[in-house]
C-alpha cells in the first residue's frame, strides 16, 4: 500500500490550477507500484459537493488515461469534510465502475 496525504488544496507556487496541491500529490500515486493506493485530503469550502465532483472527475480522468497503470489498479480516496466533521470516501479501480460513499462521522 502507498499513501499520499495533502491537507492544503493549493500549492504556494501555483495559484492558477484548482486543487493543485491535491492533484499534484495524487499524481505520485499513479506512478507508485502498490496493490492499493490511498489518497487522503481535506475539503473546506462551502460548495464542497461541486469541489468533490471536480476532484472525482480529475481522479477518474487521470486513472483512465495513465497508460502504465494496470487494469484493476485500486485507489481509495478519503476526504475529511471539515465543516461537517465527516469522512467521505470513494473506491476507484482502473477499468471498472467506481463507488462513492459519504458521511461517516469523524467524531
PDB file of N, CA and C in Angstrom:
ATOM      1  N   UNK A   1       0.856  -1.176   0.000  1.00  0.00           N
ATOM      2  CA  UNK A   1       0.000   0.000   0.000  1.00  0.00           C
ATOM      3  C   UNK A   1       0.896   1.232   0.000  1.00  0.00           C
ATOM      4  N   UNK A   2       0.456   2.241  -0.707  1.00  0.00           N
ATOM      5  CA  UNK A   2       1.130   3.536  -0.721  1.00  0.00           C
ATOM      6  C   UNK A   2       0.093   4.598  -0.378  1.00  0.00           C
ATOM      7  N   UNK A   3       0.510   5.587   0.414  1.00  0.00           N
ATOM      8  CA  UNK A   3      -0.408   6.624   0.897  1.00  0.00           C
ATOM      9  C   UNK A   3       0.141   7.995   0.564  1.00  0.00           C
ATOM     10  N   UNK A   4      -0.743   8.863   0.163  1.00  0.00           N
ATOM     11  CA  UNK A   4      -0.408  10.271  -0.030  1.00  0.00           C
ATOM     12  C   UNK A   4      -1.461  11.084   0.697  1.00  0.00           C
ATOM     13  N   UNK A   5      -1.028  12.076   1.446  1.00  0.00           N
ATOM     14  CA  UNK A   5      -1.934  12.942   2.198  1.00  0.00           C
ATOM     15  C   UNK A   5      -1.614  14.387   1.871  1.00  0.00           C
ATOM     16  N   UNK A   6      -2.627  15.150   1.504  1.00  0.00           N
ATOM     17  CA  UNK A   6      -2.439  16.573   1.230  1.00  0.00           C
ATOM     18  C   UNK A   6      -3.555  17.343   1.916  1.00  0.00           C
ATOM     19  N   UNK A   7      -3.194  18.122   2.905  1.00  0.00           N
ATOM     20  CA  UNK A   7      -4.175  18.851   3.695  1.00  0.00           C
ATOM     21  C   UNK A   7      -4.509  20.210   3.096  1.00  0.00           C
ATOM     22  N   UNK A   8      -3.639  20.742   2.255  1.00  0.00           N
ATOM     23  CA  UNK A   8      -3.883  22.043   1.620  1.00  0.00           C
ATOM     24  C   UNK A   8      -4.277  21.837   0.166  1.00  0.00           C
ATOM     25  N   UNK A   9      -5.350  22.464  -0.228  1.00  0.00           N
ATOM     26  CA  UNK A   9      -5.837  22.310  -1.601  1.00  0.00           C
ATOM     27  C   UNK A   9      -4.935  23.018  -2.605  1.00  0.00           C
ATOM     28  N   UNK A  10      -4.281  24.085  -2.188  1.00  0.00           N
ATOM     29  CA  UNK A  10      -3.467  24.876  -3.117  1.00  0.00           C
ATOM     30  C   UNK A  10      -1.998  24.808  -2.751  1.00  0.00           C
ATOM     31  N   UNK A  11      -1.192  24.742  -3.794  1.00  0.00           N
ATOM     32  CA  UNK A  11       0.258  24.860  -3.621  1.00  0.00           C
ATOM     33  C   UNK A  11       0.623  26.337  -3.672  1.00  0.00           C
ATOM     34  N   UNK A  12       1.625  26.717  -2.944  1.00  0.00           N
ATOM     35  CA  UNK A  12       2.047  28.124  -2.896  1.00  0.00           C
ATOM     36  C   UNK A  12       2.677  28.583  -4.201  1.00  0.00           C
ATOM     37  N   UNK A  13       3.208  27.653  -4.989  1.00  0.00           N
ATOM     38  CA  UNK A  13       3.895  28.025  -6.224  1.00  0.00           C
ATOM     39  C   UNK A  13       2.982  28.065  -7.447  1.00  0.00           C
ATOM     40  N   UNK A  14       1.679  27.795  -7.287  1.00  0.00           N
ATOM     41  CA  UNK A  14       0.758  27.798  -8.422  1.00  0.00           C
ATOM     42  C   UNK A  14      -0.637  28.162  -7.934  1.00  0.00           C
ATOM     43  N   UNK A  15      -1.092  29.341  -8.306  1.00  0.00           N
ATOM     44  CA  UNK A  15      -2.429  29.784  -7.899  1.00  0.00           C
ATOM     45  C   UNK A  15      -3.440  29.712  -9.033  1.00  0.00           C
ATOM     46  N   UNK A  16      -3.080  29.068 -10.132  1.00  0.00           N
ATOM     47  CA  UNK A  16      -3.952  29.029 -11.301  1.00  0.00           C
ATOM     48  C   UNK A  16      -4.830  27.779 -11.321  1.00  0.00           C
ATOM     49  N   UNK A  17      -4.255  26.622 -11.088  1.00  0.00           N
ATOM     50  CA  UNK A  17      -4.969  25.348 -11.187  1.00  0.00           C
ATOM     51  C   UNK A  17      -5.737  25.080  -9.894  1.00  0.00           C
ATOM     52  N   UNK A  18      -7.042  24.801 -10.023  1.00  0.00           N
ATOM     53  CA  UNK A  18      -7.852  24.465  -8.856  1.00  0.00           C
ATOM     54  C   UNK A  18      -7.374  23.151  -8.228  1.00  0.00           C
ATOM     55  N   UNK A  19      -7.288  23.122  -6.923  1.00  0.00           N
ATOM     56  CA  UNK A  19      -6.913  21.928  -6.164  1.00  0.00           C
ATOM     57  C   UNK A  19      -5.542  21.387  -6.575  1.00  0.00           C
ATOM     58  N   UNK A  20      -4.643  22.288  -6.974  1.00  0.00           N
ATOM     59  CA  UNK A  20      -3.346  21.842  -7.471  1.00  0.00           C
ATOM     60  C   UNK A  20      -2.535  21.090  -6.419  1.00  0.00           C
ATOM     61  N   UNK A  21      -2.696  21.398  -5.141  1.00  0.00           N
ATOM     62  CA  UNK A  21      -1.992  20.660  -4.100  1.00  0.00           C
ATOM     63  C   UNK A  21      -2.415  19.208  -4.053  1.00  0.00           C
ATOM     64  N   UNK A  22      -3.708  18.980  -4.091  1.00  0.00           N
ATOM     65  CA  UNK A  22      -4.254  17.622  -4.066  1.00  0.00           C
ATOM     66  C   UNK A  22      -3.902  16.883  -5.355  1.00  0.00           C
ATOM     67  N   UNK A  23      -4.076  17.544  -6.479  1.00  0.00           N
ATOM     68  CA  UNK A  23      -3.801  16.918  -7.770  1.00  0.00           C
ATOM     69  C   UNK A  23      -2.321  16.557  -7.914  1.00  0.00           C
ATOM     70  N   UNK A  24      -1.445  17.436  -7.489  1.00  0.00           N
ATOM     71  CA  UNK A  24      -0.010  17.190  -7.577  1.00  0.00           C
ATOM     72  C   UNK A  24       0.368  15.952  -6.770  1.00  0.00           C
ATOM     73  N   UNK A  25      -0.124  15.864  -5.549  1.00  0.00           N
ATOM     74  CA  UNK A  25       0.209  14.713  -4.717  1.00  0.00           C
ATOM     75  C   UNK A  25      -0.446  13.431  -5.229  1.00  0.00           C
ATOM     76  N   UNK A  26      -1.639  13.536  -5.791  1.00  0.00           N
ATOM     77  CA  UNK A  26      -2.302  12.356  -6.349  1.00  0.00           C
ATOM     78  C   UNK A  26      -1.488  11.744  -7.488  1.00  0.00           C
ATOM     79  N   UNK A  27      -0.848  12.580  -8.284  1.00  0.00           N
ATOM     80  CA  UNK A  27      -0.071  12.082  -9.419  1.00  0.00           C
ATOM     81  C   UNK A  27       1.044  11.136  -8.965  1.00  0.00           C
ATOM     82  N   UNK A  28       1.535  11.316  -7.756  1.00  0.00           N
ATOM     83  CA  UNK A  28       2.554  10.403  -7.214  1.00  0.00           C
ATOM     84  C   UNK A  28       1.986   8.994  -7.060  1.00  0.00           C
ATOM     85  N   UNK A  29       0.699   8.905  -6.749  1.00  0.00           N
ATOM     86  CA  UNK A  29       0.072   7.588  -6.589  1.00  0.00           C
ATOM     87  C   UNK A  29      -0.051   6.846  -7.915  1.00  0.00           C
ATOM     88  N   UNK A  30      -0.184   7.598  -9.000  1.00  0.00           N
ATOM     89  CA  UNK A  30      -0.314   6.962 -10.314  1.00  0.00           C
ATOM     90  C   UNK A  30       0.934   6.170 -10.685  1.00  0.00           C
ATOM     91  N   UNK A  31       2.083   6.652 -10.287  1.00  0.00           N
ATOM     92  CA  UNK A  31       3.338   6.002 -10.680  1.00  0.00           C
ATOM     93  C   UNK A  31       3.832   5.007  -9.637  1.00  0.00           C
ATOM     94  N   UNK A  32       3.169   4.947  -8.492  1.00  0.00           N
ATOM     95  CA  UNK A  32       3.597   4.044  -7.416  1.00  0.00           C
ATOM     96  C   UNK A  32       3.270   2.595  -7.764  1.00  0.00           C
ATOM     97  N   UNK A  33       4.137   1.700  -7.335  1.00  0.00           N
ATOM     98  CA  UNK A  33       3.931   0.272  -7.534  1.00  0.00           C
ATOM     99  C   UNK A  33       3.395  -0.311  -6.230  1.00  0.00           C
ATOM    100  N   UNK A  34       2.067  -0.452  -6.144  1.00  0.00           N
ATOM    101  CA  UNK A  34       1.445  -0.945  -4.915  1.00  0.00           C
ATOM    102  C   UNK A  34       0.108  -1.596  -5.260  1.00  0.00           C
ATOM    103  N   UNK A  35      -0.348  -2.484  -4.382  1.00  0.00           N
ATOM    104  CA  UNK A  35      -1.651  -3.119  -4.582  1.00  0.00           C
ATOM    105  C   UNK A  35      -2.798  -2.161  -4.292  1.00  0.00           C
ATOM    106  N   UNK A  36      -2.586  -1.234  -3.374  1.00  0.00           N
ATOM    107  CA  UNK A  36      -3.612  -0.262  -3.010  1.00  0.00           C
ATOM    108  C   UNK A  36      -2.972   1.107  -2.887  1.00  0.00           C
ATOM    109  N   UNK A  37      -3.643   2.108  -3.433  1.00  0.00           N
ATOM    110  CA  UNK A  37      -3.180   3.488  -3.364  1.00  0.00           C
ATOM    111  C   UNK A  37      -4.229   4.296  -2.605  1.00  0.00           C
ATOM    112  N   UNK A  38      -3.808   4.971  -1.546  1.00  0.00           N
ATOM    113  CA  UNK A  38      -4.718   5.733  -0.686  1.00  0.00           C
ATOM    114  C   UNK A  38      -4.393   7.213  -0.767  1.00  0.00           C
ATOM    115  N   UNK A  39      -5.417   8.027  -1.070  1.00  0.00           N
ATOM    116  CA  UNK A  39      -5.276   9.483  -1.104  1.00  0.00           C
ATOM    117  C   UNK A  39      -6.159  10.064  -0.015  1.00  0.00           C
ATOM    118  N   UNK A  40      -5.553  10.832   0.897  1.00  0.00           N
ATOM    119  CA  UNK A  40      -6.276  11.471   1.993  1.00  0.00           C
ATOM    120  C   UNK A  40      -6.165  12.975   1.801  1.00  0.00           C
ATOM    121  N   UNK A  41      -7.304  13.666   1.896  1.00  0.00           N
ATOM    122  CA  UNK A  41      -7.293  15.122   1.740  1.00  0.00           C
ATOM    123  C   UNK A  41      -8.449  15.737   2.511  1.00  0.00           C
ATOM    124  N   UNK A  42      -8.440  17.058   2.578  1.00  0.00           N
ATOM    125  CA  UNK A  42      -9.455  17.801   3.323  1.00  0.00           C
ATOM    126  C   UNK A  42     -10.231  18.694   2.361  1.00  0.00           C
ATOM    127  N   UNK A  43     -11.540  18.788   2.602  1.00  0.00           N
ATOM    128  CA  UNK A  43     -12.362  19.746   1.875  1.00  0.00           C
ATOM    129  C   UNK A  43     -12.868  20.777   2.870  1.00  0.00           C
ATOM    130  N   UNK A  44     -12.791  22.035   2.477  1.00  0.00           N
ATOM    131  CA  UNK A  44     -13.123  23.121   3.384  1.00  0.00           C
ATOM    132  C   UNK A  44     -14.243  24.019   2.866  1.00  0.00           C
ATOM    133  N   UNK A  45     -14.336  24.175   1.583  1.00  0.00           N
ATOM    134  CA  UNK A  45     -15.252  25.161   1.016  1.00  0.00           C
ATOM    135  C   UNK A  45     -16.711  24.858   1.323  1.00  0.00           C
ATOM    136  N   UNK A  46     -17.486  25.919   1.261  1.00  0.00           N
ATOM    137  CA  UNK A  46     -18.930  25.773   1.478  1.00  0.00           C
ATOM    138  C   UNK A  46     -19.585  25.010   0.343  1.00  0.00           C
ATOM    139  N   UNK A  47     -19.006  25.093  -0.851  1.00  0.00           N
ATOM    140  CA  UNK A  47     -19.565  24.422  -2.020  1.00  0.00           C
ATOM    141  C   UNK A  47     -18.861  23.083  -2.239  1.00  0.00           C
ATOM    142  N   UNK A  48     -18.806  22.290  -1.186  1.00  0.00           N
ATOM    143  CA  UNK A  48     -17.995  21.080  -1.227  1.00  0.00           C
ATOM    144  C   UNK A  48     -18.511  20.009  -2.184  1.00  0.00           C
ATOM    145  N   UNK A  49     -19.797  19.972  -2.466  1.00  0.00           N
ATOM    146  CA  UNK A  49     -20.304  18.973  -3.414  1.00  0.00           C
ATOM    147  C   UNK A  49     -19.704  19.206  -4.796  1.00  0.00           C
ATOM    148  N   UNK A  50     -19.638  20.465  -5.215  1.00  0.00           N
ATOM    149  CA  UNK A  50     -19.011  20.774  -6.501  1.00  0.00           C
ATOM    150  C   UNK A  50     -17.510  20.533  -6.464  1.00  0.00           C
ATOM    151  N   UNK A  51     -16.887  20.818  -5.319  1.00  0.00           N
ATOM    152  CA  UNK A  51     -15.462  20.546  -5.168  1.00  0.00           C
ATOM    153  C   UNK A  51     -15.184  19.056  -5.316  1.00  0.00           C
ATOM    154  N   UNK A  52     -15.960  18.233  -4.635  1.00  0.00           N
ATOM    155  CA  UNK A  52     -15.784  16.786  -4.723  1.00  0.00           C
ATOM    156  C   UNK A  52     -16.053  16.282  -6.136  1.00  0.00           C
ATOM    157  N   UNK A  53     -17.053  16.835  -6.790  1.00  0.00           N
ATOM    158  CA  UNK A  53     -17.356  16.434  -8.169  1.00  0.00           C
ATOM    159  C   UNK A  53     -16.189  16.786  -9.089  1.00  0.00           C
ATOM    160  N   UNK A  54     -15.618  17.955  -8.911  1.00  0.00           N
ATOM    161  CA  UNK A  54     -14.464  18.387  -9.707  1.00  0.00           C
ATOM    162  C   UNK A  54     -13.272  17.450  -9.477  1.00  0.00           C
ATOM    163  N   UNK A  55     -12.990  17.136  -8.221  1.00  0.00           N
ATOM    164  CA  UNK A  55     -11.873  16.246  -7.915  1.00  0.00           C
ATOM    165  C   UNK A  55     -12.130  14.830  -8.429  1.00  0.00           C
ATOM    166  N   UNK A  56     -13.352  14.324  -8.265  1.00  0.00           N
ATOM    167  CA  UNK A  56     -13.681  12.992  -8.784  1.00  0.00           C
ATOM    168  C   UNK A  56     -13.484  12.909 -10.287  1.00  0.00           C
ATOM    169  N   UNK A  57     -13.895  13.941 -10.977  1.00  0.00           N
ATOM    170  CA  UNK A  57     -13.726  13.997 -12.433  1.00  0.00           C
ATOM    171  C   UNK A  57     -12.237  13.940 -12.791  1.00  0.00           C
ATOM    172  N   UNK A  58     -11.434  14.715 -12.067  1.00  0.00           N
ATOM    173  CA  UNK A  58      -9.997  14.721 -12.307  1.00  0.00           C
ATOM    174  C   UNK A  58      -9.387  13.343 -12.013  1.00  0.00           C
ATOM    175  N   UNK A  59      -9.717  12.773 -10.847  1.00  0.00           N
ATOM    176  CA  UNK A  59      -9.163  11.469 -10.480  1.00  0.00           C
ATOM    177  C   UNK A  59      -9.533  10.409 -11.515  1.00  0.00           C
ATOM    178  N   UNK A  60     -10.797  10.375 -11.930  1.00  0.00           N
ATOM    179  CA  UNK A  60     -11.239   9.387 -12.921  1.00  0.00           C
ATOM    180  C   UNK A  60     -10.469   9.533 -14.229  1.00  0.00           C
ATOM    181  N   UNK A  61     -10.326  10.765 -14.692  1.00  0.00           N
ATOM    182  CA  UNK A  61      -9.630  11.021 -15.958  1.00  0.00           C
ATOM    183  C   UNK A  61      -8.159  10.619 -15.849  1.00  0.00           C
ATOM    184  N   UNK A  62      -7.520  10.978 -14.738  1.00  0.00           N
ATOM    185  CA  UNK A  62      -6.101  10.658 -14.557  1.00  0.00           C
ATOM    186  C   UNK A  62      -5.880   9.147 -14.505  1.00  0.00           C
ATOM    187  N   UNK A  63      -6.727   8.443 -13.776  1.00  0.00           N
ATOM    188  CA  UNK A  63      -6.597   6.984 -13.664  1.00  0.00           C
ATOM    189  C   UNK A  63      -6.810   6.324 -15.025  1.00  0.00           C
ATOM    190  N   UNK A  64      -7.835   6.763 -15.731  1.00  0.00           N
ATOM    191  CA  UNK A  64      -8.159   6.173 -17.033  1.00  0.00           C
ATOM    192  C   UNK A  64      -7.059   6.432 -18.059  1.00  0.00           C
ATOM    193  N   UNK A  65      -6.491   7.626 -18.049  1.00  0.00           N
ATOM    194  CA  UNK A  65      -5.557   7.998 -19.106  1.00  0.00           C
ATOM    195  C   UNK A  65      -4.105   7.614 -18.848  1.00  0.00           C
ATOM    196  N   UNK A  66      -3.754   7.257 -17.620  1.00  0.00           N
ATOM    197  CA  UNK A  66      -2.362   6.901 -17.347  1.00  0.00           C
ATOM    198  C   UNK A  66      -2.080   5.506 -17.891  1.00  0.00           C
ATOM    199  N   UNK A  67      -1.295   5.450 -18.946  1.00  0.00           N
ATOM    200  CA  UNK A  67      -1.073   4.210 -19.689  1.00  0.00           C
ATOM    201  C   UNK A  67      -0.299   3.135 -18.954  1.00  0.00           C
ATOM    202  N   UNK A  68       0.554   3.489 -18.016  1.00  0.00           N
ATOM    203  CA  UNK A  68       1.367   2.497 -17.314  1.00  0.00           C
ATOM    204  C   UNK A  68       0.673   1.893 -16.098  1.00  0.00           C
ATOM    205  N   UNK A  69      -0.580   2.218 -15.911  1.00  0.00           N
ATOM    206  CA  UNK A  69      -1.343   1.715 -14.776  1.00  0.00           C
ATOM    207  C   UNK A  69      -2.156   0.509 -15.220  1.00  0.00           C
ATOM    208  N   UNK A  70      -1.971  -0.613 -14.550  1.00  0.00           N
ATOM    209  CA  UNK A  70      -2.650  -1.855 -14.941  1.00  0.00           C
ATOM    210  C   UNK A  70      -4.155  -1.776 -14.705  1.00  0.00           C
ATOM    211  N   UNK A  71      -4.904  -2.447 -15.566  1.00  0.00           N
ATOM    212  CA  UNK A  71      -6.346  -2.541 -15.381  1.00  0.00           C
ATOM    213  C   UNK A  71      -6.634  -3.199 -14.032  1.00  0.00           C
ATOM    214  N   UNK A  72      -7.601  -2.651 -13.311  1.00  0.00           N
ATOM    215  CA  UNK A  72      -7.952  -3.155 -11.995  1.00  0.00           C
ATOM    216  C   UNK A  72      -7.161  -2.520 -10.862  1.00  0.00           C
ATOM    217  N   UNK A  73      -6.238  -1.613 -11.177  1.00  0.00           N
ATOM    218  CA  UNK A  73      -5.479  -0.921 -10.127  1.00  0.00           C
ATOM    219  C   UNK A  73      -6.444  -0.242  -9.172  1.00  0.00           C
ATOM    220  N   UNK A  74      -6.171  -0.380  -7.854  1.00  0.00           N
ATOM    221  CA  UNK A  74      -7.115   0.066  -6.830  1.00  0.00           C
ATOM    222  C   UNK A  74      -6.674   1.357  -6.171  1.00  0.00           C
ATOM    223  N   UNK A  75      -7.654   2.239  -5.979  1.00  0.00           N
ATOM    224  CA  UNK A  75      -7.452   3.508  -5.288  1.00  0.00           C
ATOM    225  C   UNK A  75      -8.547   3.684  -4.247  1.00  0.00           C
ATOM    226  N   UNK A  76      -8.185   4.243  -3.121  1.00  0.00           N
ATOM    227  CA  UNK A  76      -9.152   4.633  -2.101  1.00  0.00           C
ATOM    228  C   UNK A  76      -8.923   6.102  -1.803  1.00  0.00           C
ATOM    229  N   UNK A  77     -10.006   6.866  -1.830  1.00  0.00           N
ATOM    230  CA  UNK A  77      -9.948   8.301  -1.548  1.00  0.00           C
ATOM    231  C   UNK A  77     -10.716   8.577  -0.268  1.00  0.00           C
ATOM    232  N   UNK A  78     -10.081   9.285   0.649  1.00  0.00           N
ATOM    233  CA  UNK A  78     -10.702   9.652   1.907  1.00  0.00           C
ATOM    234  C   UNK A  78     -10.607  11.161   2.040  1.00  0.00           C
ATOM    235  N   UNK A  79     -11.771  11.811   2.120  1.00  0.00           N
ATOM    236  CA  UNK A  79     -11.829  13.261   2.253  1.00  0.00           C
ATOM    237  C   UNK A  79     -12.436  13.616   3.601  1.00  0.00           C
ATOM    238  N   UNK A  80     -11.726  14.435   4.348  1.00  0.00           N
ATOM    239  CA  UNK A  80     -12.266  14.920   5.612  1.00  0.00           C
ATOM    240  C   UNK A  80     -13.035  16.202   5.329  1.00  0.00           C
ATOM    241  N   UNK A  81     -14.326  16.174   5.577  1.00  0.00           N
ATOM    242  CA  UNK A  81     -15.203  17.335   5.404  1.00  0.00           C
ATOM    243  C   UNK A  81     -15.113  18.153   6.683  1.00  0.00           C
ATOM    244  N   UNK A  82     -14.311  19.187   6.631  1.00  0.00           N
ATOM    245  CA  UNK A  82     -14.022  19.976   7.824  1.00  0.00           C
ATOM    246  C   UNK A  82     -15.261  20.650   8.408  1.00  0.00           C
ATOM    247  N   UNK A  83     -16.136  21.151   7.557  1.00  0.00           N
ATOM    248  CA  UNK A  83     -17.332  21.831   8.035  1.00  0.00           C
ATOM    249  C   UNK A  83     -18.318  20.907   8.719  1.00  0.00           C
ATOM    250  N   UNK A  84     -18.531  19.744   8.154  1.00  0.00           N
ATOM    251  CA  UNK A  84     -19.496  18.779   8.683  1.00  0.00           C
ATOM    252  C   UNK A  84     -18.874  17.815   9.686  1.00  0.00           C
ATOM    253  N   UNK A  85     -17.545  17.835   9.802  1.00  0.00           N
ATOM    254  CA  UNK A  85     -16.822  16.903  10.677  1.00  0.00           C
ATOM    255  C   UNK A  85     -17.159  15.461  10.313  1.00  0.00           C
ATOM    256  N   UNK A  86     -17.102  15.191   9.014  1.00  0.00           N
ATOM    257  CA  UNK A  86     -17.422  13.865   8.498  1.00  0.00           C
ATOM    258  C   UNK A  86     -16.349  13.399   7.533  1.00  0.00           C
ATOM    259  N   UNK A  87     -16.298  12.100   7.346  1.00  0.00           N
ATOM    260  CA  UNK A  87     -15.395  11.485   6.381  1.00  0.00           C
ATOM    261  C   UNK A  87     -16.212  11.066   5.163  1.00  0.00           C
ATOM    262  N   UNK A  88     -15.684  11.369   3.998  1.00  0.00           N
ATOM    263  CA  UNK A  88     -16.289  10.916   2.747  1.00  0.00           C
ATOM    264  C   UNK A  88     -15.250  10.058   2.047  1.00  0.00           C
ATOM    265  N   UNK A  89     -15.681   9.006   1.384  1.00  0.00           N
ATOM    266  CA  UNK A  89     -14.700   8.155   0.728  1.00  0.00           C
ATOM    267  C   UNK A  89     -15.229   7.598  -0.582  1.00  0.00           C
ATOM    268  N   UNK A  90     -14.301   7.192  -1.419  1.00  0.00           N
ATOM    269  CA  UNK A  90     -14.624   6.607  -2.715  1.00  0.00           C
ATOM    270  C   UNK A  90     -13.588   5.542  -3.049  1.00  0.00           C
ATOM    271  N   UNK A  91     -14.044   4.481  -3.684  1.00  0.00           N
ATOM    272  CA  UNK A  91     -13.172   3.442  -4.242  1.00  0.00           C
ATOM    273  C   UNK A  91     -13.135   3.638  -5.743  1.00  0.00           C
ATOM    274  N   UNK A  92     -11.960   3.530  -6.305  1.00  0.00           N
ATOM    275  CA  UNK A  92     -11.830   3.633  -7.757  1.00  0.00           C
ATOM    276  C   UNK A  92     -10.899   2.527  -8.233  1.00  0.00           C
ATOM    277  N   UNK A  93     -11.263   1.941  -9.364  1.00  0.00           N
ATOM    278  CA  UNK A  93     -10.467   0.889  -9.977  1.00  0.00           C
ATOM    279  C   UNK A  93     -10.312   1.228 -11.450  1.00  0.00           C
ATOM    280  N   UNK A  94      -9.104   1.114 -11.959  1.00  0.00           N
ATOM    281  CA  UNK A  94      -8.919   1.388 -13.383  1.00  0.00           C
ATOM    282  C   UNK A  94      -9.688   0.357 -14.204  1.00  0.00           C
ATOM    283  N   UNK A  95     -10.526   0.856 -15.100  1.00  0.00           N
ATOM    284  CA  UNK A  95     -11.277  -0.015 -15.997  1.00  0.00           C
ATOM    285  C   UNK A  95     -12.531  -0.614 -15.405  1.00  0.00           C
ATOM    286  N   UNK A  96     -12.962  -0.168 -14.222  1.00  0.00           N
ATOM    287  CA  UNK A  96     -14.168  -0.701 -13.596  1.00  0.00           C
ATOM    288  C   UNK A  96     -15.029   0.440 -13.069  1.00  0.00           C
ATOM    289  N   UNK A  97     -16.296   0.117 -12.785  1.00  0.00           N
ATOM    290  CA  UNK A  97     -17.200   1.102 -12.205  1.00  0.00           C
ATOM    291  C   UNK A  97     -16.729   1.446 -10.793  1.00  0.00           C
ATOM    292  N   UNK A  98     -16.810   2.732 -10.448  1.00  0.00           N
ATOM    293  CA  UNK A  98     -16.333   3.219  -9.159  1.00  0.00           C
ATOM    294  C   UNK A  98     -17.484   3.552  -8.238  1.00  0.00           C
ATOM    295  N   UNK A  99     -17.212   3.552  -6.922  1.00  0.00           N
ATOM    296  CA  UNK A  99     -18.249   3.852  -5.945  1.00  0.00           C
ATOM    297  C   UNK A  99     -17.828   5.008  -5.056  1.00  0.00           C
ATOM    298  N   UNK A 100     -18.806   5.797  -4.643  1.00  0.00           N
ATOM    299  CA  UNK A 100     -18.585   6.901  -3.717  1.00  0.00           C
ATOM    300  C   UNK A 100     -19.445   6.684  -2.484  1.00  0.00           C
ATOM    301  N   UNK A 101     -18.922   7.028  -1.336  1.00  0.00           N
ATOM    302  CA  UNK A 101     -19.652   6.943  -0.081  1.00  0.00           C
ATOM    303  C   UNK A 101     -19.458   8.243   0.670  1.00  0.00           C
ATOM    304  N   UNK A 102     -20.453   8.600   1.447  1.00  0.00           N
ATOM    305  CA  UNK A 102     -20.400   9.856   2.173  1.00  0.00           C
ATOM    306  C   UNK A 102     -20.796   9.689   3.629  1.00  0.00           C
ATOM    307  N   UNK A 103     -20.400  10.659   4.396  1.00  0.00           N
ATOM    308  CA  UNK A 103     -20.965  10.927   5.717  1.00  0.00           C
ATOM    309  C   UNK A 103     -20.729   9.868   6.786  1.00  0.00           C
ATOM    310  N   UNK A 104     -19.545   9.432   6.955  1.00  0.00           N
ATOM    311  CA  UNK A 104     -19.217   8.640   8.148  1.00  0.00           C
ATOM    312  C   UNK A 104     -18.703   9.637   9.177  1.00  0.00           C
ATOM    313  N   UNK A 105     -19.352   9.728  10.311  1.00  0.00           N
ATOM    314  CA  UNK A 105     -18.961  10.716  11.318  1.00  0.00           C
ATOM    315  C   UNK A 105     -17.520  10.529  11.745  1.00  0.00           C
ATOM    316  N   UNK A 106     -16.826  11.646  11.880  1.00  0.00           N
ATOM    317  CA  UNK A 106     -15.425  11.629  12.302  1.00  0.00           C
ATOM    318  C   UNK A 106     -15.299  11.803  13.799  1.00  0.00           C
ATOM    319  N   UNK A 107     -16.364  12.045  14.470  1.00  0.00           N
ATOM    320  CA  UNK A 107     -16.296  12.281  15.916  1.00  0.00           C
ATOM    321  C   UNK A 107     -16.412  11.005  16.696  1.00  0.00           C
TER     322      UNK A 107
END
